[in-house]
Amino acid sequence: MYLACRDPRTPWYAKAFAGGVVAYAISPIDLIPDFIPVLGYLDDLIIVPLGIALAVKMIPEAVLVDCRIRAQAASERPTNRTAAAIIVVIWIAAAALLIWVAYQAFS
């Protein structure tokens, strides 16, 4: 959807609708609040997928095909395992520091 919305061949109304669906999905304000049992999450499970499906139908098929090819090519790029390992080490160090500070504070 991201690639299709950035494509100049996508009509403005499809871009606007897809943006609205994304905004609704990440917005803390829902049609039915999440604290209402079952119905609160049910609207997210119905409205967001239906919005995505409608947005995909609004986007021309040629754009979707091109975007799917570009997305597939992007997912096949090599990953940097060294960077991932560094980030994991930083998180472990931060957690260890937090535990040490909590231990010092409570003992």
C-alpha atoms as a PDB file:
ATOM      1  CA  MET A   1       0.000   0.000   0.000  1.00  0.00           C
ATOM      2  CA  TYR A   2       2.856   2.379   0.838  1.00  0.00           C
ATOM      3  CA  LEU A   3       4.467   1.944  -2.564  1.00  0.00           C
ATOM      4  CA  ALA A   4       1.149   2.258  -4.366  1.00  0.00           C
ATOM      5  CA  CYS A   5       0.282   5.474  -2.548  1.00  0.00           C
ATOM      6  CA  ARG A   6       3.601   7.010  -3.555  1.00  0.00           C
ATOM      7  CA  ASP A   7       3.179   6.033  -7.212  1.00  0.00           C
ATOM      8  CA  PRO A   8       2.098   8.968  -9.406  1.00  0.00           C
ATOM      9  CA  ARG A   9      -0.231   6.686 -11.415  1.00  0.00           C
ATOM     10  CA  THR A  10      -2.415   6.095  -8.347  1.00  0.00           C
ATOM     11  CA  PRO A  11      -5.507   8.331  -8.350  1.00  0.00           C
ATOM     12  CA  TRP A  12      -5.716  10.982  -5.637  1.00  0.00           C
ATOM     13  CA  TYR A  13      -8.908   9.508  -4.180  1.00  0.00           C
ATOM     14  CA  ALA A  14      -7.231   6.115  -3.695  1.00  0.00           C
ATOM     15  CA  LYS A  15      -4.303   7.811  -1.947  1.00  0.00           C
ATOM     16  CA  ALA A  16      -6.679   9.768   0.297  1.00  0.00           C
ATOM     17  CA  PHE A  17      -8.742   6.688   1.150  1.00  0.00           C
ATOM     18  CA  ALA A  18      -5.664   4.582   1.916  1.00  0.00           C
ATOM     19  CA  GLY A  19      -4.334   7.402   4.101  1.00  0.00           C
ATOM     20  CA  GLY A  20      -7.633   7.469   5.962  1.00  0.00           C
ATOM     21  CA  VAL A  21      -7.486   3.721   6.560  1.00  0.00           C
ATOM     22  CA  VAL A  22      -3.942   3.992   7.890  1.00  0.00           C
ATOM     23  CA  ALA A  23      -4.916   6.953  10.078  1.00  0.00           C
ATOM     24  CA  TYR A  24      -7.866   5.005  11.493  1.00  0.00           C
ATOM     25  CA  ALA A  25      -5.693   1.952  12.129  1.00  0.00           C
ATOM     26  CA  ILE A  26      -3.086   3.866  14.154  1.00  0.00           C
ATOM     27  CA  SER A  27      -5.451   6.378  15.742  1.00  0.00           C
ATOM     28  CA  PRO A  28      -6.234   5.960  19.426  1.00  0.00           C
ATOM     29  CA  ILE A  29      -9.813   7.061  18.683  1.00  0.00           C
ATOM     30  CA  ASP A  30     -12.101   4.294  17.386  1.00  0.00           C
ATOM     31  CA  LEU A  31     -15.738   4.185  16.341  1.00  0.00           C
ATOM     32  CA  ILE A  32     -16.328   1.711  19.164  1.00  0.00           C
ATOM     33  CA  PRO A  33     -13.909   2.172  22.098  1.00  0.00           C
ATOM     34  CA  ASP A  34     -11.589  -0.768  22.775  1.00  0.00           C
ATOM     35  CA  PHE A  35     -12.637  -1.072  26.426  1.00  0.00           C
ATOM     36  CA  ILE A  36     -16.073  -2.357  25.364  1.00  0.00           C
ATOM     37  CA  PRO A  37     -15.732  -6.159  25.505  1.00  0.00           C
ATOM     38  CA  VAL A  38     -15.502  -7.920  22.126  1.00  0.00           C
ATOM     39  CA  LEU A  39     -17.051  -5.088  20.082  1.00  0.00           C
ATOM     40  CA  GLY A  40     -14.131  -2.737  20.796  1.00  0.00           C
ATOM     41  CA  TYR A  41     -11.658  -4.969  18.999  1.00  0.00           C
ATOM     42  CA  LEU A  42     -14.168  -6.369  16.537  1.00  0.00           C
ATOM     43  CA  ASP A  43     -14.512  -3.022  14.752  1.00  0.00           C
ATOM     44  CA  ASP A  44     -10.729  -2.985  14.189  1.00  0.00           C
ATOM     45  CA  LEU A  45     -10.862  -6.535  12.879  1.00  0.00           C
ATOM     46  CA  ILE A  46     -13.595  -5.627  10.392  1.00  0.00           C
ATOM     47  CA  ILE A  47     -13.117  -1.961   9.428  1.00  0.00           C
ATOM     48  CA  VAL A  48      -9.359  -1.986   8.797  1.00  0.00           C
ATOM     49  CA  PRO A  49      -9.261  -5.099   6.545  1.00  0.00           C
ATOM     50  CA  LEU A  50     -12.322  -3.890   4.626  1.00  0.00           C
ATOM     51  CA  GLY A  51     -10.699  -0.476   4.183  1.00  0.00           C
ATOM     52  CA  ILE A  52      -7.517  -2.084   2.891  1.00  0.00           C
ATOM     53  CA  ALA A  53      -9.502  -4.259   0.495  1.00  0.00           C
ATOM     54  CA  LEU A  54     -11.401  -1.218  -0.832  1.00  0.00           C
ATOM     55  CA  ALA A  55      -8.179   0.774  -1.207  1.00  0.00           C
ATOM     56  CA  VAL A  56      -6.597  -2.066  -3.188  1.00  0.00           C
ATOM     57  CA  LYS A  57      -9.628  -2.140  -5.495  1.00  0.00           C
ATOM     58  CA  MET A  58      -9.247   1.615  -6.129  1.00  0.00           C
ATOM     59  CA  ILE A  59      -5.614   1.287  -7.211  1.00  0.00           C
ATOM     60  CA  PRO A  60      -5.071   0.417 -10.897  1.00  0.00           C
ATOM     61  CA  GLU A  61      -3.943  -3.173 -11.521  1.00  0.00           C
ATOM     62  CA  ALA A  62      -0.773  -2.119 -13.350  1.00  0.00           C
ATOM     63  CA  VAL A  63       0.311  -0.079 -10.319  1.00  0.00           C
ATOM     64  CA  LEU A  64      -0.379  -2.979  -7.966  1.00  0.00           C
ATOM     65  CA  VAL A  65       1.640  -5.385 -10.118  1.00  0.00           C
ATOM     66  CA  ASP A  66       4.598  -2.993 -10.259  1.00  0.00           C
ATOM     67  CA  CYS A  67       4.426  -2.338  -6.519  1.00  0.00           C
ATOM     68  CA  ARG A  68       4.252  -6.046  -5.695  1.00  0.00           C
ATOM     69  CA  ILE A  69       7.371  -6.637  -7.806  1.00  0.00           C
ATOM     70  CA  ARG A  70       9.182  -3.760  -6.068  1.00  0.00           C
ATOM     71  CA  ALA A  71       8.101  -5.020  -2.627  1.00  0.00           C
ATOM     72  CA  GLN A  72       9.309  -8.533  -3.442  1.00  0.00           C
ATOM     73  CA  ALA A  73      12.661  -7.183  -4.626  1.00  0.00           C
ATOM     74  CA  ALA A  74      12.997  -5.105  -1.443  1.00  0.00           C
ATOM     75  CA  SER A  75      12.292  -8.116   0.762  1.00  0.00           C
ATOM     76  CA  GLU A  76      15.053 -10.104  -0.960  1.00  0.00           C
ATOM     77  CA  ARG A  77      17.751  -7.581  -0.066  1.00  0.00           C
ATOM     78  CA  PRO A  78      20.461  -8.866   2.241  1.00  0.00           C
ATOM     79  CA  THR A  79      20.083  -8.069   5.908  1.00  0.00           C
ATOM     80  CA  ASN A  80      22.805  -6.720   8.123  1.00  0.00           C
ATOM     81  CA  ARG A  81      23.162  -9.268  10.906  1.00  0.00           C
ATOM     82  CA  THR A  82      25.962  -7.302  12.540  1.00  0.00           C
ATOM     83  CA  ALA A  83      23.678  -4.302  13.033  1.00  0.00           C
ATOM     84  CA  ALA A  84      20.967  -6.575  14.423  1.00  0.00           C
ATOM     85  CA  ALA A  85      23.445  -8.126  16.871  1.00  0.00           C
ATOM     86  CA  ILE A  86      24.593  -4.687  18.029  1.00  0.00           C
ATOM     87  CA  ILE A  87      21.005  -3.608  18.671  1.00  0.00           C
ATOM     88  CA  VAL A  88      20.307  -6.796  20.642  1.00  0.00           C
ATOM     89  CA  VAL A  89      23.440  -6.224  22.740  1.00  0.00           C
ATOM     90  CA  ILE A  90      22.362  -2.635  23.444  1.00  0.00           C
ATOM     91  CA  TRP A  91      18.911  -3.816  24.608  1.00  0.00           C
ATOM     92  CA  ILE A  92      20.439  -6.497  26.825  1.00  0.00           C
ATOM     93  CA  ALA A  93      22.858  -3.952  28.312  1.00  0.00           C
ATOM     94  CA  ALA A  94      20.015  -1.495  28.921  1.00  0.00           C
ATOM     95  CA  ALA A  95      17.942  -4.195  30.634  1.00  0.00           C
ATOM     96  CA  ALA A  96      20.908  -5.241  32.777  1.00  0.00           C
ATOM     97  CA  LEU A  97      21.538  -1.617  33.760  1.00  0.00           C
ATOM     98  CA  LEU A  98      17.877  -1.156  34.662  1.00  0.00           C
ATOM     99  CA  ILE A  99      17.938  -4.297  36.811  1.00  0.00           C
ATOM    100  CA  TRP A 100      21.156  -3.174  38.507  1.00  0.00           C
ATOM    101  CA  VAL A 101      19.733   0.313  39.240  1.00  0.00           C
ATOM    102  CA  ALA A 102      16.518  -1.207  40.609  1.00  0.00           C
ATOM    103  CA  TYR A 103      18.522  -3.597  42.772  1.00  0.00           C
ATOM    104  CA  GLN A 104      20.650  -0.740  44.143  1.00  0.00           C
ATOM    105  CA  ALA A 105      17.568   1.360  44.844  1.00  0.00           C
ATOM    106  CA  PHE A 106      15.701  -1.368  46.722  1.00  0.00           C
ATOM    107  CA  SER A 107      18.578  -2.862  48.698  1.00  0.00           C
END
